[in-house]
Amino acid sequence: NSGDWVESLTALEYTEGQWNLYRHAEKKAPVVEEEDETLQLEWSAV
């Protein structure tokens, strides 16, 4: 099961004859204007 990109942030990868589960680590980044706008949109959605 490949999971999702809402919470798990996962994918399935096949290479060299084997399946592996990839997990994307959320990296901390400085808050930029786009992120502020997204947060405002999320508050509006709530």
PDB file of all heavy atoms in Angstrom:
ATOM      1  N   ASN A   1       0.859  -1.175   0.000  1.00  0.00           N
ATOM      2  CA  ASN A   1       0.000   0.000   0.000  1.00  0.00           C
ATOM      3  C   ASN A   1       0.897   1.228   0.000  1.00  0.00           C
ATOM      4  O   ASN A   1       1.802   1.345   0.831  1.00  0.00           O
ATOM      5  CB  ASN A   1      -0.938   0.020   1.201  1.00  0.00           C
ATOM      6  CG  ASN A   1      -2.086   0.996   1.011  1.00  0.00           C
ATOM      7  OD1 ASN A   1      -1.865   2.200   0.930  1.00  0.00           O
ATOM      8  ND2 ASN A   1      -3.311   0.485   0.941  1.00  0.00           N
ATOM      9  N   SER A   2       0.631   2.128  -0.940  1.00  0.00           N
ATOM     10  CA  SER A   2       1.522   3.280  -1.136  1.00  0.00           C
ATOM     11  C   SER A   2       1.266   4.427  -0.180  1.00  0.00           C
ATOM     12  O   SER A   2       1.977   5.438  -0.221  1.00  0.00           O
ATOM     13  CB  SER A   2       1.408   3.785  -2.586  1.00  0.00           C
ATOM     14  OG  SER A   2       0.064   3.853  -2.990  1.00  0.00           O
ATOM     15  N   GLY A   3       0.245   4.306   0.688  1.00  0.00           N
ATOM     16  CA  GLY A   3       0.002   5.352   1.681  1.00  0.00           C
ATOM     17  C   GLY A   3      -0.654   6.573   1.076  1.00  0.00           C
ATOM     18  O   GLY A   3      -1.589   6.468   0.281  1.00  0.00           O
ATOM     19  N   ASP A   4      -0.131   7.769   1.383  1.00  0.00           N
ATOM     20  CA  ASP A   4      -0.771   8.997   0.912  1.00  0.00           C
ATOM     21  C   ASP A   4       0.201  10.171   1.017  1.00  0.00           C
ATOM     22  O   ASP A   4       1.283  10.049   1.586  1.00  0.00           O
ATOM     23  CB  ASP A   4      -2.032   9.290   1.733  1.00  0.00           C
ATOM     24  CG  ASP A   4      -1.702   9.599   3.183  1.00  0.00           C
ATOM     25  OD1 ASP A   4      -1.473   8.668   3.990  1.00  0.00           O
ATOM     26  OD2 ASP A   4      -1.647  10.798   3.525  1.00  0.00           O
ATOM     27  N   TRP A   5      -0.265  11.326   0.480  1.00  0.00           N
ATOM     28  CA  TRP A   5       0.503  12.572   0.580  1.00  0.00           C
ATOM     29  C   TRP A   5      -0.310  13.642   1.298  1.00  0.00           C
ATOM     30  O   TRP A   5      -0.214  14.831   1.010  1.00  0.00           O
ATOM     31  CB  TRP A   5       0.990  13.026  -0.794  1.00  0.00           C
ATOM     32  CG  TRP A   5       2.115  12.155  -1.246  1.00  0.00           C
ATOM     33  CD1 TRP A   5       2.029  10.955  -1.867  1.00  0.00           C
ATOM     34  CD2 TRP A   5       3.515  12.404  -1.049  1.00  0.00           C
ATOM     35  NE1 TRP A   5       3.284  10.430  -2.084  1.00  0.00           N
ATOM     36  CE2 TRP A   5       4.214  11.301  -1.595  1.00  0.00           C
ATOM     37  CE3 TRP A   5       4.248  13.452  -0.486  1.00  0.00           C
ATOM     38  CZ2 TRP A   5       5.604  11.216  -1.574  1.00  0.00           C
ATOM     39  CZ3 TRP A   5       5.628  13.362  -0.472  1.00  0.00           C
ATOM     40  CH2 TRP A   5       6.296  12.253  -1.011  1.00  0.00           C
ATOM     41  N   VAL A   6      -1.116  13.173   2.250  1.00  0.00           N
ATOM     42  CA  VAL A   6      -1.851  14.061   3.153  1.00  0.00           C
ATOM     43  C   VAL A   6      -1.226  13.986   4.538  1.00  0.00           C
ATOM     44  O   VAL A   6      -0.985  14.993   5.185  1.00  0.00           O
ATOM     45  CB  VAL A   6      -3.344  13.686   3.203  1.00  0.00           C
ATOM     46  CG1 VAL A   6      -4.105  14.578   4.178  1.00  0.00           C
ATOM     47  CG2 VAL A   6      -3.976  13.782   1.820  1.00  0.00           C
ATOM     48  N   GLU A   7      -0.908  12.763   4.970  1.00  0.00           N
ATOM     49  CA  GLU A   7      -0.285  12.568   6.283  1.00  0.00           C
ATOM     50  C   GLU A   7       1.017  11.779   6.205  1.00  0.00           C
ATOM     51  O   GLU A   7       2.044  12.217   6.702  1.00  0.00           O
ATOM     52  CB  GLU A   7      -1.248  11.828   7.208  1.00  0.00           C
ATOM     53  CG  GLU A   7      -2.470  12.624   7.601  1.00  0.00           C
ATOM     54  CD  GLU A   7      -3.309  11.837   8.572  1.00  0.00           C
ATOM     55  OE1 GLU A   7      -4.108  11.014   8.106  1.00  0.00           O
ATOM     56  OE2 GLU A   7      -3.156  12.041   9.777  1.00  0.00           O
ATOM     57  N   SER A   8       0.966  10.603   5.585  1.00  0.00           N
ATOM     58  CA  SER A   8       2.119   9.694   5.621  1.00  0.00           C
ATOM     59  C   SER A   8       3.291  10.188   4.785  1.00  0.00           C
ATOM     60  O   SER A   8       4.450   9.964   5.129  1.00  0.00           O
ATOM     61  CB  SER A   8       1.708   8.298   5.137  1.00  0.00           C
ATOM     62  OG  SER A   8       0.620   7.803   5.888  1.00  0.00           O
ATOM     63  N   LEU A   9       2.988  10.840   3.629  1.00  0.00           N
ATOM     64  CA  LEU A   9       4.020  11.308   2.698  1.00  0.00           C
ATOM     65  C   LEU A   9       4.921  10.148   2.268  1.00  0.00           C
ATOM     66  O   LEU A   9       6.129  10.142   2.477  1.00  0.00           O
ATOM     67  CB  LEU A   9       4.855  12.445   3.311  1.00  0.00           C
ATOM     68  CG  LEU A   9       4.249  13.849   3.307  1.00  0.00           C
ATOM     69  CD1 LEU A   9       2.966  13.924   4.098  1.00  0.00           C
ATOM     70  CD2 LEU A   9       5.238  14.876   3.793  1.00  0.00           C
ATOM     71  N   THR A  10       4.295   9.140   1.655  1.00  0.00           N
ATOM     72  CA  THR A  10       5.000   7.906   1.308  1.00  0.00           C
ATOM     73  C   THR A  10       4.802   7.537  -0.157  1.00  0.00           C
ATOM     74  O   THR A  10       3.845   7.954  -0.808  1.00  0.00           O
ATOM     75  CB  THR A  10       4.505   6.727   2.174  1.00  0.00           C
ATOM     76  OG1 THR A  10       3.066   6.665   2.104  1.00  0.00           O
ATOM     77  CG2 THR A  10       4.923   6.899   3.615  1.00  0.00           C
ATOM     78  N   ALA A  11       5.715   6.723  -0.652  1.00  0.00           N
ATOM     79  CA  ALA A  11       5.632   6.173  -2.000  1.00  0.00           C
ATOM     80  C   ALA A  11       6.256   4.788  -1.985  1.00  0.00           C
ATOM     81  O   ALA A  11       7.019   4.443  -1.071  1.00  0.00           O
ATOM     82  CB  ALA A  11       6.361   7.072  -2.993  1.00  0.00           C
ATOM     83  N   LEU A  12       5.923   4.004  -2.994  1.00  0.00           N
ATOM     84  CA  LEU A  12       6.545   2.696  -3.162  1.00  0.00           C
ATOM     85  C   LEU A  12       7.546   2.780  -4.304  1.00  0.00           C
ATOM     86  O   LEU A  12       7.256   3.370  -5.351  1.00  0.00           O
ATOM     87  CB  LEU A  12       5.487   1.632  -3.479  1.00  0.00           C
ATOM     88  CG  LEU A  12       4.561   1.255  -2.322  1.00  0.00           C
ATOM     89  CD1 LEU A  12       3.338   0.508  -2.842  1.00  0.00           C
ATOM     90  CD2 LEU A  12       5.302   0.395  -1.295  1.00  0.00           C
ATOM     91  N   GLU A  13       8.730   2.200  -4.092  1.00  0.00           N
ATOM     92  CA  GLU A  13       9.780   2.224  -5.101  1.00  0.00           C
ATOM     93  C   GLU A  13      10.251   0.798  -5.388  1.00  0.00           C
ATOM     94  O   GLU A  13      10.476   0.017  -4.460  1.00  0.00           O
ATOM     95  CB  GLU A  13      10.964   3.054  -4.613  1.00  0.00           C
ATOM     96  CG  GLU A  13      10.624   4.510  -4.314  1.00  0.00           C
ATOM     97  CD  GLU A  13      11.805   5.316  -3.803  1.00  0.00           C
ATOM     98  OE1 GLU A  13      12.830   4.686  -3.393  1.00  0.00           O
ATOM     99  OE2 GLU A  13      11.727   6.551  -3.822  1.00  0.00           O
ATOM    100  N   TYR A  14      10.399   0.496  -6.677  1.00  0.00           N
ATOM    101  CA  TYR A  14      10.914  -0.813  -7.068  1.00  0.00           C
ATOM    102  C   TYR A  14      12.216  -0.623  -7.828  1.00  0.00           C
ATOM    103  O   TYR A  14      12.273   0.073  -8.850  1.00  0.00           O
ATOM    104  CB  TYR A  14       9.902  -1.544  -7.957  1.00  0.00           C
ATOM    105  CG  TYR A  14      10.316  -2.964  -8.310  1.00  0.00           C
ATOM    106  CD1 TYR A  14      10.092  -4.011  -7.417  1.00  0.00           C
ATOM    107  CD2 TYR A  14      10.937  -3.243  -9.524  1.00  0.00           C
ATOM    108  CE1 TYR A  14      10.475  -5.305  -7.732  1.00  0.00           C
ATOM    109  CE2 TYR A  14      11.320  -4.538  -9.846  1.00  0.00           C
ATOM    110  CZ  TYR A  14      11.085  -5.567  -8.939  1.00  0.00           C
ATOM    111  OH  TYR A  14      11.467  -6.851  -9.247  1.00  0.00           O
ATOM    112  N   THR A  15      13.261  -1.233  -7.306  1.00  0.00           N
ATOM    113  CA  THR A  15      14.566  -1.168  -7.946  1.00  0.00           C
ATOM    114  C   THR A  15      15.399  -2.371  -7.521  1.00  0.00           C
ATOM    115  O   THR A  15      15.254  -2.877  -6.399  1.00  0.00           O
ATOM    116  CB  THR A  15      15.303   0.145  -7.589  1.00  0.00           C
ATOM    117  OG1 THR A  15      16.514   0.228  -8.335  1.00  0.00           O
ATOM    118  CG2 THR A  15      15.617   0.239  -6.116  1.00  0.00           C
ATOM    119  N   GLU A  16      16.219  -2.856  -8.435  1.00  0.00           N
ATOM    120  CA  GLU A  16      17.100  -4.006  -8.186  1.00  0.00           C
ATOM    121  C   GLU A  16      16.312  -5.194  -7.640  1.00  0.00           C
ATOM    122  O   GLU A  16      16.747  -5.889  -6.715  1.00  0.00           O
ATOM    123  CB  GLU A  16      18.224  -3.614  -7.226  1.00  0.00           C
ATOM    124  CG  GLU A  16      19.145  -2.544  -7.808  1.00  0.00           C
ATOM    125  CD  GLU A  16      20.286  -2.176  -6.876  1.00  0.00           C
ATOM    126  OE1 GLU A  16      20.285  -2.675  -5.720  1.00  0.00           O
ATOM    127  OE2 GLU A  16      21.166  -1.401  -7.277  1.00  0.00           O
ATOM    128  N   GLY A  17      15.108  -5.405  -8.202  1.00  0.00           N
ATOM    129  CA  GLY A  17      14.309  -6.582  -7.861  1.00  0.00           C
ATOM    130  C   GLY A  17      13.633  -6.546  -6.511  1.00  0.00           C
ATOM    131  O   GLY A  17      13.187  -7.579  -6.012  1.00  0.00           O
ATOM    132  N   GLN A  18      13.504  -5.367  -5.921  1.00  0.00           N
ATOM    133  CA  GLN A  18      12.935  -5.286  -4.567  1.00  0.00           C
ATOM    134  C   GLN A  18      12.047  -4.058  -4.405  1.00  0.00           C
ATOM    135  O   GLN A  18      12.345  -2.973  -4.908  1.00  0.00           O
ATOM    136  CB  GLN A  18      14.066  -5.241  -3.533  1.00  0.00           C
ATOM    137  CG  GLN A  18      13.587  -5.288  -2.093  1.00  0.00           C
ATOM    138  CD  GLN A  18      14.750  -5.393  -1.118  1.00  0.00           C
ATOM    139  OE1 GLN A  18      15.891  -5.652  -1.508  1.00  0.00           O
ATOM    140  NE2 GLN A  18      14.470  -5.196   0.147  1.00  0.00           N
ATOM    141  N   TRP A  19      10.935  -4.241  -3.674  1.00  0.00           N
ATOM    142  CA  TRP A  19      10.053  -3.130  -3.326  1.00  0.00           C
ATOM    143  C   TRP A  19      10.505  -2.506  -2.009  1.00  0.00           C
ATOM    144  O   TRP A  19      10.830  -3.214  -1.053  1.00  0.00           O
ATOM    145  CB  TRP A  19       8.607  -3.605  -3.175  1.00  0.00           C
ATOM    146  CG  TRP A  19       7.906  -3.806  -4.485  1.00  0.00           C
ATOM    147  CD1 TRP A  19       7.652  -4.991  -5.106  1.00  0.00           C
ATOM    148  CD2 TRP A  19       7.368  -2.778  -5.324  1.00  0.00           C
ATOM    149  NE1 TRP A  19       6.994  -4.769  -6.297  1.00  0.00           N
ATOM    150  CE2 TRP A  19       6.801  -3.423  -6.449  1.00  0.00           C
ATOM    151  CE3 TRP A  19       7.314  -1.390  -5.234  1.00  0.00           C
ATOM    152  CZ2 TRP A  19       6.190  -2.709  -7.479  1.00  0.00           C
ATOM    153  CZ3 TRP A  19       6.704  -0.681  -6.254  1.00  0.00           C
ATOM    154  CH2 TRP A  19       6.149  -1.338  -7.366  1.00  0.00           C
ATOM    155  N   ASN A  20      10.521  -1.181  -1.969  1.00  0.00           N
ATOM    156  CA  ASN A  20      10.859  -0.445  -0.750  1.00  0.00           C
ATOM    157  C   ASN A  20       9.838   0.654  -0.519  1.00  0.00           C
ATOM    158  O   ASN A  20       9.264   1.200  -1.475  1.00  0.00           O
ATOM    159  CB  ASN A  20      12.257   0.179  -0.858  1.00  0.00           C
ATOM    160  CG  ASN A  20      13.344  -0.862  -0.962  1.00  0.00           C
ATOM    161  OD1 ASN A  20      13.614  -1.586  -0.015  1.00  0.00           O
ATOM    162  ND2 ASN A  20      13.965  -0.954  -2.131  1.00  0.00           N
ATOM    163  N   LEU A  21       9.615   0.974   0.747  1.00  0.00           N
ATOM    164  CA  LEU A  21       8.686   2.039   1.113  1.00  0.00           C
ATOM    165  C   LEU A  21       9.485   3.313   1.381  1.00  0.00           C
ATOM    166  O   LEU A  21      10.351   3.335   2.249  1.00  0.00           O
ATOM    167  CB  LEU A  21       7.890   1.635   2.356  1.00  0.00           C
ATOM    168  CG  LEU A  21       6.724   2.537   2.758  1.00  0.00           C
ATOM    169  CD1 LEU A  21       5.661   2.587   1.680  1.00  0.00           C
ATOM    170  CD2 LEU A  21       6.118   2.026   4.071  1.00  0.00           C
ATOM    171  N   TYR A  22       9.196   4.342   0.620  1.00  0.00           N
ATOM    172  CA  TYR A  22       9.865   5.634   0.791  1.00  0.00           C
ATOM    173  C   TYR A  22       9.026   6.529   1.695  1.00  0.00           C
ATOM    174  O   TYR A  22       7.804   6.652   1.520  1.00  0.00           O
ATOM    175  CB  TYR A  22      10.061   6.310  -0.565  1.00  0.00           C
ATOM    176  CG  TYR A  22      10.525   7.749  -0.471  1.00  0.00           C
ATOM    177  CD1 TYR A  22      11.881   8.055  -0.384  1.00  0.00           C
ATOM    178  CD2 TYR A  22       9.611   8.800  -0.459  1.00  0.00           C
ATOM    179  CE1 TYR A  22      12.320   9.371  -0.292  1.00  0.00           C
ATOM    180  CE2 TYR A  22      10.037  10.119  -0.363  1.00  0.00           C
ATOM    181  CZ  TYR A  22      11.391  10.399  -0.276  1.00  0.00           C
ATOM    182  OH  TYR A  22      11.807  11.696  -0.169  1.00  0.00           O
ATOM    183  N   ARG A  23       9.662   7.152   2.675  1.00  0.00           N
ATOM    184  CA  ARG A  23       8.992   8.111   3.554  1.00  0.00           C
ATOM    185  C   ARG A  23       9.686   9.459   3.420  1.00  0.00           C
ATOM    186  O   ARG A  23      10.887   9.568   3.652  1.00  0.00           O
ATOM    187  CB  ARG A  23       9.025   7.639   5.017  1.00  0.00           C
ATOM    188  CG  ARG A  23       8.192   6.383   5.267  1.00  0.00           C
ATOM    189  CD  ARG A  23       8.204   5.995   6.740  1.00  0.00           C
ATOM    190  NE  ARG A  23       7.469   4.767   6.982  1.00  0.00           N
ATOM    191  CZ  ARG A  23       6.157   4.708   7.197  1.00  0.00           C
ATOM    192  NH1 ARG A  23       5.460   5.833   7.223  1.00  0.00           N
ATOM    193  NH2 ARG A  23       5.556   3.548   7.406  1.00  0.00           N
ATOM    194  N   HIS A  24       8.921  10.457   3.077  1.00  0.00           N
ATOM    195  CA  HIS A  24       9.483  11.790   2.880  1.00  0.00           C
ATOM    196  C   HIS A  24       9.476  12.547   4.205  1.00  0.00           C
ATOM    197  O   HIS A  24       8.426  12.741   4.812  1.00  0.00           O
ATOM    198  CB  HIS A  24       8.663  12.563   1.842  1.00  0.00           C
ATOM    199  CG  HIS A  24       9.286  13.863   1.431  1.00  0.00           C
ATOM    200  ND1 HIS A  24      10.234  13.948   0.441  1.00  0.00           N
ATOM    201  CD2 HIS A  24       9.104  15.120   1.889  1.00  0.00           C
ATOM    202  CE1 HIS A  24      10.595  15.202   0.279  1.00  0.00           C
ATOM    203  NE2 HIS A  24       9.933  15.941   1.154  1.00  0.00           N
ATOM    204  N   ALA A  25      10.641  12.947   4.633  1.00  0.00           N
ATOM    205  CA  ALA A  25      10.746  13.678   5.895  1.00  0.00           C
ATOM    206  C   ALA A  25      10.377  15.128   5.661  1.00  0.00           C
ATOM    207  O   ALA A  25      10.897  15.771   4.743  1.00  0.00           O
ATOM    208  CB  ALA A  25      12.167  13.578   6.449  1.00  0.00           C
ATOM    209  N   GLU A  26       9.472  15.649   6.488  1.00  0.00           N
ATOM    210  CA  GLU A  26       9.127  17.065   6.398  1.00  0.00           C
ATOM    211  C   GLU A  26      10.299  17.884   6.931  1.00  0.00           C
ATOM    212  O   GLU A  26      10.750  17.691   8.053  1.00  0.00           O
ATOM    213  CB  GLU A  26       7.882  17.361   7.235  1.00  0.00           C
ATOM    214  CG  GLU A  26       6.605  16.864   6.625  1.00  0.00           C
ATOM    215  CD  GLU A  26       5.402  17.387   7.384  1.00  0.00           C
ATOM    216  OE1 GLU A  26       5.131  18.589   7.310  1.00  0.00           O
ATOM    217  OE2 GLU A  26       4.769  16.583   8.076  1.00  0.00           O
ATOM    218  N   LYS A  27      10.779  18.784   6.109  1.00  0.00           N
ATOM    219  CA  LYS A  27      11.906  19.627   6.517  1.00  0.00           C
ATOM    220  C   LYS A  27      11.393  20.981   6.973  1.00  0.00           C
ATOM    221  O   LYS A  27      10.522  21.576   6.351  1.00  0.00           O
ATOM    222  CB  LYS A  27      12.877  19.800   5.342  1.00  0.00           C
ATOM    223  CG  LYS A  27      13.523  18.490   4.908  1.00  0.00           C
ATOM    224  CD  LYS A  27      14.437  18.719   3.717  1.00  0.00           C
ATOM    225  CE  LYS A  27      15.062  17.411   3.272  1.00  0.00           C
ATOM    226  NZ  LYS A  27      15.922  17.597   2.085  1.00  0.00           N
ATOM    227  N   LYS A  28      11.958  21.437   8.068  1.00  0.00           N
ATOM    228  CA  LYS A  28      11.584  22.768   8.548  1.00  0.00           C
ATOM    229  C   LYS A  28      12.130  23.813   7.585  1.00  0.00           C
ATOM    230  O   LYS A  28      13.280  23.761   7.181  1.00  0.00           O
ATOM    231  CB  LYS A  28      12.134  23.010   9.955  1.00  0.00           C
ATOM    232  CG  LYS A  28      11.472  22.158  11.022  1.00  0.00           C
ATOM    233  CD  LYS A  28      11.982  22.518  12.394  1.00  0.00           C
ATOM    234  CE  LYS A  28      11.309  21.673  13.472  1.00  0.00           C
ATOM    235  NZ  LYS A  28      11.787  22.014  14.821  1.00  0.00           N
ATOM    236  N   ALA A  29      11.278  24.753   7.243  1.00  0.00           N
ATOM    237  CA  ALA A  29      11.689  25.816   6.312  1.00  0.00           C
ATOM    238  C   ALA A  29      11.209  27.141   6.855  1.00  0.00           C
ATOM    239  O   ALA A  29      10.231  27.203   7.595  1.00  0.00           O
ATOM    240  CB  ALA A  29      11.079  25.558   4.931  1.00  0.00           C
ATOM    241  N   PRO A  30      11.907  28.221   6.513  1.00  0.00           N
ATOM    242  CA  PRO A  30      11.443  29.529   6.977  1.00  0.00           C
ATOM    243  C   PRO A  30      10.061  29.829   6.412  1.00  0.00           C
ATOM    244  O   PRO A  30       9.750  29.464   5.283  1.00  0.00           O
ATOM    245  CB  PRO A  30      12.493  30.496   6.403  1.00  0.00           C
ATOM    246  CG  PRO A  30      13.131  29.747   5.280  1.00  0.00           C
ATOM    247  CD  PRO A  30      13.099  28.314   5.670  1.00  0.00           C
ATOM    248  N   VAL A  31       9.237  30.487   7.216  1.00  0.00           N
ATOM    249  CA  VAL A  31       7.895  30.821   6.787  1.00  0.00           C
ATOM    250  C   VAL A  31       7.972  31.883   5.699  1.00  0.00           C
ATOM    251  O   VAL A  31       8.564  32.941   5.890  1.00  0.00           O
ATOM    252  CB  VAL A  31       7.047  31.345   7.969  1.00  0.00           C
ATOM    253  CG1 VAL A  31       5.664  31.762   7.480  1.00  0.00           C
ATOM    254  CG2 VAL A  31       6.934  30.275   9.041  1.00  0.00           C
ATOM    255  N   VAL A  32       7.394  31.576   4.554  1.00  0.00           N
ATOM    256  CA  VAL A  32       7.399  32.517   3.444  1.00  0.00           C
ATOM    257  C   VAL A  32       5.981  32.978   3.193  1.00  0.00           C
ATOM    258  O   VAL A  32       5.032  32.472   3.769  1.00  0.00           O
ATOM    259  CB  VAL A  32       7.988  31.863   2.161  1.00  0.00           C
ATOM    260  CG1 VAL A  32       9.436  31.515   2.361  1.00  0.00           C
ATOM    261  CG2 VAL A  32       7.183  30.634   1.774  1.00  0.00           C
ATOM    262  N   GLU A  33       5.868  33.939   2.282  1.00  0.00           N
ATOM    263  CA  GLU A  33       4.562  34.549   2.038  1.00  0.00           C
ATOM    264  C   GLU A  33       3.537  33.520   1.603  1.00  0.00           C
ATOM    265  O   GLU A  33       2.389  33.553   2.018  1.00  0.00           O
ATOM    266  CB  GLU A  33       4.721  35.618   0.948  1.00  0.00           C
ATOM    267  CG  GLU A  33       3.567  36.597   0.897  1.00  0.00           C
ATOM    268  CD  GLU A  33       3.883  37.760  -0.021  1.00  0.00           C
ATOM    269  OE1 GLU A  33       4.927  38.409   0.176  1.00  0.00           O
ATOM    270  OE2 GLU A  33       3.089  37.998  -0.932  1.00  0.00           O
ATOM    271  N   GLU A  34       3.951  32.569   0.766  1.00  0.00           N
ATOM    272  CA  GLU A  34       3.013  31.557   0.270  1.00  0.00           C
ATOM    273  C   GLU A  34       2.460  30.726   1.412  1.00  0.00           C
ATOM    274  O   GLU A  34       1.286  30.380   1.449  1.00  0.00           O
ATOM    275  CB  GLU A  34       3.714  30.648  -0.746  1.00  0.00           C
ATOM    276  CG  GLU A  34       2.767  29.614  -1.358  1.00  0.00           C
ATOM    277  CD  GLU A  34       3.495  28.671  -2.300  1.00  0.00           C
ATOM    278  OE1 GLU A  34       4.628  28.981  -2.700  1.00  0.00           O
ATOM    279  OE2 GLU A  34       2.910  27.626  -2.610  1.00  0.00           O
ATOM    280  N   GLU A  35       3.313  30.377   2.397  1.00  0.00           N
ATOM    281  CA  GLU A  35       2.856  29.576   3.527  1.00  0.00           C
ATOM    282  C   GLU A  35       1.883  30.370   4.392  1.00  0.00           C
ATOM    283  O   GLU A  35       0.905  29.838   4.899  1.00  0.00           O
ATOM    284  CB  GLU A  35       4.061  29.099   4.351  1.00  0.00           C
ATOM    285  CG  GLU A  35       4.901  28.060   3.612  1.00  0.00           C
ATOM    286  CD  GLU A  35       6.098  27.633   4.426  1.00  0.00           C
ATOM    287  OE1 GLU A  35       6.390  28.287   5.444  1.00  0.00           O
ATOM    288  OE2 GLU A  35       6.743  26.647   4.049  1.00  0.00           O
ATOM    289  N   ASP A  36       2.154  31.667   4.591  1.00  0.00           N
ATOM    290  CA  ASP A  36       1.234  32.503   5.351  1.00  0.00           C
ATOM    291  C   ASP A  36      -0.131  32.544   4.680  1.00  0.00           C
ATOM    292  O   ASP A  36      -1.167  32.460   5.324  1.00  0.00           O
ATOM    293  CB  ASP A  36       1.782  33.927   5.454  1.00  0.00           C
ATOM    294  CG  ASP A  36       2.955  34.019   6.428  1.00  0.00           C
ATOM    295  OD1 ASP A  36       3.047  33.125   7.282  1.00  0.00           O
ATOM    296  OD2 ASP A  36       3.756  34.961   6.322  1.00  0.00           O
ATOM    297  N   GLU A  37      -0.109  32.663   3.337  1.00  0.00           N
ATOM    298  CA  GLU A  37      -1.361  32.705   2.585  1.00  0.00           C
ATOM    299  C   GLU A  37      -2.112  31.384   2.730  1.00  0.00           C
ATOM    300  O   GLU A  37      -3.330  31.360   2.882  1.00  0.00           O
ATOM    301  CB  GLU A  37      -1.051  32.975   1.105  1.00  0.00           C
ATOM    302  CG  GLU A  37      -2.295  33.124   0.250  1.00  0.00           C
ATOM    303  CD  GLU A  37      -1.941  33.352  -1.217  1.00  0.00           C
ATOM    304  OE1 GLU A  37      -0.760  33.617  -1.498  1.00  0.00           O
ATOM    305  OE2 GLU A  37      -2.840  33.259  -2.034  1.00  0.00           O
ATOM    306  N   THR A  38      -1.364  30.259   2.699  1.00  0.00           N
ATOM    307  CA  THR A  38      -1.991  28.951   2.844  1.00  0.00           C
ATOM    308  C   THR A  38      -2.642  28.811   4.205  1.00  0.00           C
ATOM    309  O   THR A  38      -3.753  28.293   4.331  1.00  0.00           O
ATOM    310  CB  THR A  38      -0.940  27.832   2.658  1.00  0.00           C
ATOM    311  OG1 THR A  38      -0.391  27.944   1.355  1.00  0.00           O
ATOM    312  CG2 THR A  38      -1.576  26.456   2.807  1.00  0.00           C
ATOM    313  N   LEU A  39      -1.957  29.290   5.255  1.00  0.00           N
ATOM    314  CA  LEU A  39      -2.533  29.216   6.595  1.00  0.00           C
ATOM    315  C   LEU A  39      -3.814  30.037   6.687  1.00  0.00           C
ATOM    316  O   LEU A  39      -4.789  29.619   7.305  1.00  0.00           O
ATOM    317  CB  LEU A  39      -1.505  29.695   7.629  1.00  0.00           C
ATOM    318  CG  LEU A  39      -0.390  28.711   7.971  1.00  0.00           C
ATOM    319  CD1 LEU A  39       0.677  29.406   8.787  1.00  0.00           C
ATOM    320  CD2 LEU A  39      -0.926  27.502   8.708  1.00  0.00           C
ATOM    321  N   GLN A  40      -3.808  31.207   6.057  1.00  0.00           N
ATOM    322  CA  GLN A  40      -5.012  32.031   6.056  1.00  0.00           C
ATOM    323  C   GLN A  40      -6.151  31.323   5.337  1.00  0.00           C
ATOM    324  O   GLN A  40      -7.300  31.344   5.780  1.00  0.00           O
ATOM    325  CB  GLN A  40      -4.719  33.380   5.375  1.00  0.00           C
ATOM    326  CG  GLN A  40      -3.810  34.286   6.190  1.00  0.00           C
ATOM    327  CD  GLN A  40      -3.352  35.488   5.389  1.00  0.00           C
ATOM    328  OE1 GLN A  40      -3.864  35.754   4.306  1.00  0.00           O
ATOM    329  NE2 GLN A  40      -2.381  36.214   5.915  1.00  0.00           N
ATOM    330  N   LEU A  41      -5.841  30.660   4.221  1.00  0.00           N
ATOM    331  CA  LEU A  41      -6.849  29.909   3.490  1.00  0.00           C
ATOM    332  C   LEU A  41      -7.380  28.758   4.320  1.00  0.00           C
ATOM    333  O   LEU A  41      -8.561  28.432   4.284  1.00  0.00           O
ATOM    334  CB  LEU A  41      -6.260  29.384   2.171  1.00  0.00           C
ATOM    335  CG  LEU A  41      -6.060  30.418   1.062  1.00  0.00           C
ATOM    336  CD1 LEU A  41      -5.168  29.849  -0.030  1.00  0.00           C
ATOM    337  CD2 LEU A  41      -7.402  30.839   0.482  1.00  0.00           C
ATOM    338  N   GLU A  42      -6.474  28.109   5.095  1.00  0.00           N
ATOM    339  CA  GLU A  42      -6.902  26.995   5.934  1.00  0.00           C
ATOM    340  C   GLU A  42      -7.834  27.470   7.044  1.00  0.00           C
ATOM    341  O   GLU A  42      -8.827  26.820   7.361  1.00  0.00           O
ATOM    342  CB  GLU A  42      -5.673  26.279   6.506  1.00  0.00           C
ATOM    343  CG  GLU A  42      -4.932  25.472   5.440  1.00  0.00           C
ATOM    344  CD  GLU A  42      -3.652  24.848   5.951  1.00  0.00           C
ATOM    345  OE1 GLU A  42      -3.238  25.189   7.082  1.00  0.00           O
ATOM    346  OE2 GLU A  42      -3.079  24.017   5.242  1.00  0.00           O
ATOM    347  N   TRP A  43      -7.516  28.625   7.660  1.00  0.00           N
ATOM    348  CA  TRP A  43      -8.424  29.184   8.669  1.00  0.00           C
ATOM    349  C   TRP A  43      -9.783  29.485   8.048  1.00  0.00           C
ATOM    350  O   TRP A  43     -10.825  29.236   8.653  1.00  0.00           O
ATOM    351  CB  TRP A  43      -7.831  30.472   9.258  1.00  0.00           C
ATOM    352  CG  TRP A  43      -6.822  30.246  10.337  1.00  0.00           C
ATOM    353  CD1 TRP A  43      -5.504  30.615  10.315  1.00  0.00           C
ATOM    354  CD2 TRP A  43      -7.022  29.596  11.594  1.00  0.00           C
ATOM    355  NE1 TRP A  43      -4.879  30.229  11.472  1.00  0.00           N
ATOM    356  CE2 TRP A  43      -5.783  29.600  12.280  1.00  0.00           C
ATOM    357  CE3 TRP A  43      -8.127  28.988  12.203  1.00  0.00           C
ATOM    358  CZ2 TRP A  43      -5.616  29.041  13.536  1.00  0.00           C
ATOM    359  CZ3 TRP A  43      -7.969  28.432  13.475  1.00  0.00           C
ATOM    360  CH2 TRP A  43      -6.724  28.460  14.114  1.00  0.00           C
ATOM    361  N   SER A  44      -9.795  30.009   6.813  1.00  0.00           N
ATOM    362  CA  SER A  44     -11.051  30.295   6.121  1.00  0.00           C
ATOM    363  C   SER A  44     -11.825  29.008   5.858  1.00  0.00           C
ATOM    364  O   SER A  44     -13.044  28.972   5.982  1.00  0.00           O
ATOM    365  CB  SER A  44     -10.766  31.002   4.779  1.00  0.00           C
ATOM    366  OG  SER A  44     -10.106  32.220   4.989  1.00  0.00           O
ATOM    367  N   ALA A  45     -11.090  27.943   5.510  1.00  0.00           N
ATOM    368  CA  ALA A  45     -11.738  26.657   5.249  1.00  0.00           C
ATOM    369  C   ALA A  45     -12.378  26.103   6.511  1.00  0.00           C
ATOM    370  O   ALA A  45     -13.470  25.535   6.478  1.00  0.00           O
ATOM    371  CB  ALA A  45     -10.714  25.652   4.704  1.00  0.00           C
ATOM    372  N   VAL A  46     -11.687  26.261   7.648  1.00  0.00           N
ATOM    373  CA  VAL A  46     -12.258  25.824   8.926  1.00  0.00           C
ATOM    374  C   VAL A  46     -13.552  26.574   9.208  1.00  0.00           C
ATOM    375  O   VAL A  46     -14.571  25.985   9.575  1.00  0.00           O
ATOM    376  CB  VAL A  46     -11.248  26.049  10.081  1.00  0.00           C
ATOM    377  CG1 VAL A  46     -11.926  25.791  11.417  1.00  0.00           C
ATOM    378  CG2 VAL A  46     -10.052  25.126   9.921  1.00  0.00           C
TER     379      VAL A  46
END
